[in-house]
């Protein structure tokens, strides 16, 4: 019997086609932003009051143009039967919902949100929860990633630009993107470097493993160029892209653990001080 993954199991318990129809209706058709006789759908409201100031709109001129650039019609069609497309669709509308919500809090035009505006948010969130996915809001953008406690914990203790790297690494769009993952690991490794001595005191084996992998997995150095005998690693050079990505993902998890251990130093010292006082 073929072992089912979590996506397969969850997909069998919900009607994805109905969920897509509901989400699309609430975002594009229903008038969820209300003002006297000038009621608007979510996308209409974002178009008029939010989109032109959004830093992540790229070269797109309105929401229709943005959706077209993402092959929106294809995504909607595939989302009714494919989990990855379903999550992409949720991420798209979650971004628009977020923009509208921010604008609504400072709206000077007299708009109020209907119950369906908040029902859409609940619908998006509930469907993400079913697939163990979570919405991270950062830098005027919503990113959907797998809901892992260690990722949430690390994003709360590192600098904002580093926390975005932590989030982006786990984003579904980076699956198979070796170079993008390498770039993030390089930055995370650079962030750890000044704290290497402290990390060695806590866990020498973890520290050695992290920096050995950074130096020998074609991240910090070119380990696949045969002409550089000093840096060349034959085993790494012969790895498949899938195997290399798996090791990159392992390194990512090790780096997350390192950040959490470093954050625990001050806490450990406080506990030690408390225990010494209790023992007197």
Protein backbone atom coordinates (compact mmCIF):
# COMPACT_ATOMS: atom_id res chain seq x y z
CA UNK A 1 0.00 0.00 0.00
CA UNK A 2 1.31 3.46 -0.92
CA UNK A 3 1.83 5.63 2.16
CA UNK A 4 -0.22 8.84 2.02
CA UNK A 5 1.26 12.19 3.02
CA UNK A 6 -0.54 14.82 5.07
CA UNK A 7 -1.75 16.68 1.95
CA UNK A 8 -3.37 13.52 0.58
CA UNK A 9 -5.13 12.78 3.86
CA UNK A 10 -6.46 16.29 4.35
CA UNK A 11 -7.54 16.66 0.72
CA UNK A 12 -9.77 13.63 1.09
CA UNK A 13 -11.60 15.28 3.99
CA UNK A 14 -12.49 18.59 2.30
CA UNK A 15 -14.09 19.59 -0.97
CA UNK A 16 -11.38 21.78 -2.50
CA UNK A 17 -13.57 22.79 -5.43
CA UNK A 18 -16.20 24.24 -3.09
CA UNK A 19 -13.55 25.97 -1.00
CA UNK A 20 -12.04 27.63 -4.08
CA UNK A 21 -15.47 28.80 -5.26
CA UNK A 22 -16.18 30.33 -1.83
CA UNK A 23 -12.83 32.11 -1.63
CA UNK A 24 -13.08 33.51 -5.15
CA UNK A 25 -16.65 34.69 -4.59
CA UNK A 26 -15.79 36.47 -1.34
CA UNK A 27 -12.72 38.13 -2.85
CA UNK A 28 -13.90 39.08 -6.33
CA UNK A 29 -17.71 39.14 -6.35
CA UNK A 30 -19.17 39.87 -2.91
CA UNK A 31 -19.36 43.55 -1.90
CA UNK A 32 -17.45 43.33 1.36
CA UNK A 33 -16.36 46.98 1.71
CA UNK A 34 -19.45 49.07 2.36
CA UNK A 35 -20.05 52.84 2.05
CA UNK A 36 -23.49 54.30 1.45
CA UNK A 37 -24.26 53.42 -2.20
CA UNK A 38 -20.63 52.83 -3.21
CA UNK A 39 -19.97 49.25 -2.13
CA UNK A 40 -16.93 47.39 -3.43
CA UNK A 41 -15.52 43.89 -3.58
CA UNK A 42 -12.17 43.23 -1.91
CA UNK A 43 -10.26 43.47 -5.20
CA UNK A 44 -12.08 46.67 -6.20
CA UNK A 45 -11.22 48.28 -2.87
CA UNK A 46 -7.57 47.23 -3.10
CA UNK A 47 -7.43 48.52 -6.68
CA UNK A 48 -8.67 51.98 -5.79
CA UNK A 49 -7.12 52.58 -2.38
CA UNK A 50 -4.17 50.22 -1.83
CA UNK A 51 -2.49 48.76 -4.88
CA UNK A 52 -0.56 51.75 -6.24
CA UNK A 53 1.27 52.17 -2.89
CA UNK A 54 2.09 48.48 -2.41
CA UNK A 55 5.86 47.95 -2.59
CA UNK A 56 5.49 44.36 -3.84
CA UNK A 57 3.31 45.10 -6.88
CA UNK A 58 6.33 45.00 -9.23
CA UNK A 59 5.50 46.57 -12.58
CA UNK A 60 1.82 45.67 -12.36
CA UNK A 61 -0.67 48.53 -12.67
CA UNK A 62 -3.67 47.03 -10.86
CA UNK A 63 -4.95 43.82 -9.27
CA UNK A 64 -6.12 42.46 -12.61
CA UNK A 65 -2.67 42.94 -14.07
CA UNK A 66 -1.11 41.36 -10.98
CA UNK A 67 -3.39 38.32 -11.18
CA UNK A 68 -2.69 37.95 -14.90
CA UNK A 69 1.06 37.93 -14.23
CA UNK A 70 0.49 34.97 -11.91
CA UNK A 71 -1.62 33.04 -14.47
CA UNK A 72 -4.62 33.50 -12.20
CA UNK A 73 -7.13 31.53 -14.30
CA UNK A 74 -4.82 28.52 -14.40
CA UNK A 75 -4.20 28.72 -10.65
CA UNK A 76 -7.95 28.80 -9.90
CA UNK A 77 -8.55 25.81 -12.15
CA UNK A 78 -5.69 23.78 -10.66
CA UNK A 79 -6.48 24.84 -7.07
CA UNK A 80 -9.67 22.77 -7.20
CA UNK A 81 -7.62 19.60 -7.28
CA UNK A 82 -3.98 20.47 -6.50
CA UNK A 83 -2.84 21.46 -3.00
CA UNK A 84 0.12 23.61 -4.06
CA UNK A 85 -2.07 25.67 -6.40
CA UNK A 86 -4.68 25.92 -3.62
CA UNK A 87 -2.10 27.39 -1.24
CA UNK A 88 -0.86 29.80 -3.92
CA UNK A 89 -4.43 31.03 -4.39
CA UNK A 90 -4.83 31.51 -0.64
CA UNK A 91 -1.56 33.44 -0.47
CA UNK A 92 -2.69 35.72 -3.30
CA UNK A 93 -5.98 36.65 -1.66
CA UNK A 94 -4.43 36.81 1.81
CA UNK A 95 -2.10 39.53 0.53
CA UNK A 96 -5.04 41.51 -0.86
CA UNK A 97 -7.02 41.01 2.36
CA UNK A 98 -4.06 42.24 4.40
CA UNK A 99 -3.69 45.37 2.24
CA UNK A 100 -7.39 46.14 2.63
CA UNK A 101 -7.32 45.56 6.38
CA UNK A 102 -4.39 47.96 6.84
CA UNK A 103 -6.11 50.61 4.72
CA UNK A 104 -9.43 50.10 6.48
CA UNK A 105 -7.87 51.04 9.82
CA UNK A 106 -6.97 54.48 8.44
CA UNK A 107 -9.77 54.86 5.88
CA UNK A 108 -10.94 58.44 5.38
CA UNK A 109 -13.64 57.62 2.85
CA UNK A 110 -16.22 56.16 5.20
CA UNK A 111 -15.88 52.48 4.26
CA UNK A 112 -16.67 49.73 6.75
CA UNK A 113 -16.08 46.01 6.32
CA UNK A 114 -19.00 43.59 6.13
CA UNK A 115 -19.08 40.31 8.03
CA UNK A 116 -18.03 38.58 4.82
CA UNK A 117 -14.75 40.49 4.83
CA UNK A 118 -13.81 38.77 8.10
CA UNK A 119 -15.42 35.53 6.98
CA UNK A 120 -12.97 35.49 4.06
CA UNK A 121 -10.03 35.84 6.50
CA UNK A 122 -11.39 32.95 8.57
CA UNK A 123 -11.86 30.86 5.44
CA UNK A 124 -8.27 31.45 4.33
CA UNK A 125 -6.85 30.76 7.79
CA UNK A 126 -8.93 27.62 8.38
CA UNK A 127 -7.81 26.10 5.09
CA UNK A 128 -4.18 26.87 5.86
CA UNK A 129 -4.52 25.22 9.26
CA UNK A 130 -5.82 22.04 7.65
CA UNK A 131 -2.59 21.73 5.69
CA UNK A 132 -0.37 22.80 8.60
CA UNK A 133 0.46 26.07 6.84
CA UNK A 134 0.77 29.52 8.41
CA UNK A 135 0.62 33.12 7.18
CA UNK A 136 3.63 35.25 8.08
CA UNK A 137 3.10 38.98 7.64
CA UNK A 138 6.30 40.94 7.13
CA UNK A 139 7.38 43.95 5.12
CA UNK A 140 3.90 44.60 3.63
CA UNK A 141 3.69 41.04 2.39
CA UNK A 142 2.05 37.78 3.40
CA UNK A 143 4.09 34.61 2.94
CA UNK A 144 2.60 31.16 3.45
CA UNK A 145 4.96 28.57 4.91
CA UNK A 146 4.73 25.31 6.82
CA UNK A 147 3.77 25.95 10.42
CA UNK A 148 6.85 24.95 12.41
CA UNK A 149 7.33 26.23 15.98
CA UNK A 150 11.10 26.56 15.56
CA UNK A 151 10.67 28.92 12.60
CA UNK A 152 8.27 31.14 14.53
CA UNK A 153 10.60 31.14 17.54
CA UNK A 154 13.68 32.13 15.52
CA UNK A 155 11.91 34.92 13.62
CA UNK A 156 11.10 36.52 16.97
CA UNK A 157 14.73 36.68 18.17
CA UNK A 158 16.76 37.66 15.10
CA UNK A 159 16.96 40.94 13.19
CA UNK A 160 14.07 41.67 10.77
CA UNK A 161 16.11 41.18 7.60
CA UNK A 162 17.37 37.83 8.90
CA UNK A 163 13.90 36.75 10.00
CA UNK A 164 12.67 37.27 6.44
CA UNK A 165 15.41 34.91 5.22
CA UNK A 166 14.32 32.35 7.82
CA UNK A 167 10.75 32.55 6.53
CA UNK A 168 11.62 32.61 2.83
CA UNK A 169 13.77 29.48 3.04
CA UNK A 170 10.73 27.44 4.03
CA UNK A 171 8.44 29.00 1.42
CA UNK A 172 7.02 26.53 -1.11
CA UNK A 173 8.35 28.60 -4.04
CA UNK A 174 11.96 27.77 -3.02
CA UNK A 175 11.55 24.01 -3.33
CA UNK A 176 14.19 22.90 -5.83
CA UNK A 177 15.77 26.37 -5.98
CA UNK A 178 19.29 25.40 -4.92
CA UNK A 179 20.94 28.76 -5.62
CA UNK A 180 18.30 30.72 -3.71
CA UNK A 181 18.60 28.39 -0.73
CA UNK A 182 22.40 28.64 -0.88
CA UNK A 183 22.20 32.45 -0.75
CA UNK A 184 19.99 32.33 2.35
CA UNK A 185 22.22 29.78 4.09
CA UNK A 186 25.23 31.96 3.35
CA UNK A 187 23.57 34.96 5.03
CA UNK A 188 22.41 32.90 8.01
CA UNK A 189 25.92 31.50 8.39
CA UNK A 190 27.40 34.99 8.31
CA UNK A 191 24.97 36.01 11.05
CA UNK A 192 26.14 33.08 13.19
CA UNK A 193 29.88 33.62 12.61
CA UNK A 194 30.41 36.37 15.25
CA UNK A 195 28.62 34.16 17.80
CA UNK A 196 30.60 31.03 16.97
CA UNK A 197 32.65 31.04 20.19
CA UNK A 198 29.52 31.29 22.34
CA UNK A 199 27.85 28.52 20.36
CA UNK A 200 30.88 26.24 20.80
CA UNK A 201 30.57 26.56 24.57
CA UNK A 202 26.95 25.44 24.38
CA UNK A 203 27.27 22.69 21.76
CA UNK A 204 30.65 22.06 20.16
CA UNK A 205 29.39 19.22 17.97
CA UNK A 206 26.55 21.31 16.50
CA UNK A 207 28.91 24.23 15.89
CA UNK A 208 31.45 22.04 14.12
CA UNK A 209 28.74 20.44 12.00
CA UNK A 210 27.25 23.76 10.89
CA UNK A 211 30.50 25.41 9.87
CA UNK A 212 31.90 22.27 8.24
CA UNK A 213 28.79 22.03 6.08
CA UNK A 214 28.93 25.75 5.24
CA UNK A 215 32.53 25.32 4.13
CA UNK A 216 32.16 22.04 2.26
CA UNK A 217 28.67 21.92 0.70
CA UNK A 218 29.43 24.43 -2.07
CA UNK A 219 28.02 27.32 -0.07
CA UNK A 220 30.89 29.45 1.18
CA UNK A 221 33.41 28.01 -1.24
CA UNK A 222 33.32 26.48 -4.70
CA UNK A 223 33.65 22.83 -3.72
CA UNK A 224 32.78 21.42 -7.14
CA UNK A 225 35.56 22.98 -9.24
CA UNK A 226 38.17 20.30 -9.91
CA UNK A 227 40.85 22.88 -10.68
CA UNK A 228 40.79 24.15 -7.08
CA UNK A 229 42.39 21.17 -5.34
CA UNK A 230 42.26 22.81 -1.92
CA UNK A 231 38.50 23.43 -1.92
CA UNK A 232 37.33 20.62 -4.23
CA UNK A 233 35.17 17.91 -2.61
CA UNK A 234 34.59 14.99 -4.95
CA UNK A 235 31.68 13.56 -2.94
CA UNK A 236 29.84 16.89 -3.05
CA UNK A 237 30.62 17.41 -6.73
CA UNK A 238 28.95 14.07 -7.54
CA UNK A 239 25.81 14.73 -5.49
CA UNK A 240 22.50 15.00 -7.30
CA UNK A 241 20.61 18.28 -6.92
CA UNK A 242 17.95 16.51 -4.84
CA UNK A 243 20.54 15.10 -2.43
CA UNK A 244 22.30 18.45 -2.14
CA UNK A 245 18.99 20.19 -1.40
CA UNK A 246 18.23 17.66 1.34
CA UNK A 247 21.54 18.48 3.00
CA UNK A 248 20.87 22.20 2.61
CA UNK A 249 17.55 21.66 4.38
CA UNK A 250 19.30 19.76 7.19
CA UNK A 251 21.79 22.59 7.57
CA UNK A 252 18.92 25.08 7.73
CA UNK A 253 17.38 23.15 10.63
CA UNK A 254 20.75 23.03 12.41
CA UNK A 255 21.15 26.79 12.06
CA UNK A 256 17.66 27.36 13.50
CA UNK A 257 18.63 25.24 16.50
CA UNK A 258 21.84 27.27 16.90
CA UNK A 259 19.92 30.55 17.04
CA UNK A 260 17.56 29.12 19.67
CA UNK A 261 20.44 27.84 21.79
CA UNK A 262 22.19 31.21 21.66
CA UNK A 263 18.99 32.94 22.73
CA UNK A 264 18.80 30.60 25.71
CA UNK A 265 22.18 31.67 27.20
CA UNK A 266 20.77 34.61 29.15
CA UNK A 267 17.80 32.56 30.29
CA UNK A 268 20.08 29.76 31.50
CA UNK A 269 22.20 32.21 33.48
CA UNK A 270 19.08 33.61 35.18
CA UNK A 271 17.94 30.11 36.10
CA UNK A 272 21.40 29.27 37.48
CA UNK A 273 21.34 32.45 39.56
CA UNK A 274 17.87 31.64 40.87
CA UNK A 275 18.86 28.08 41.79
CA UNK A 276 21.89 29.33 43.69
CA UNK A 277 19.70 31.68 45.71
CA UNK A 278 17.19 28.94 46.44
CA UNK A 279 19.95 26.59 47.61
CA UNK A 280 21.25 29.06 50.24
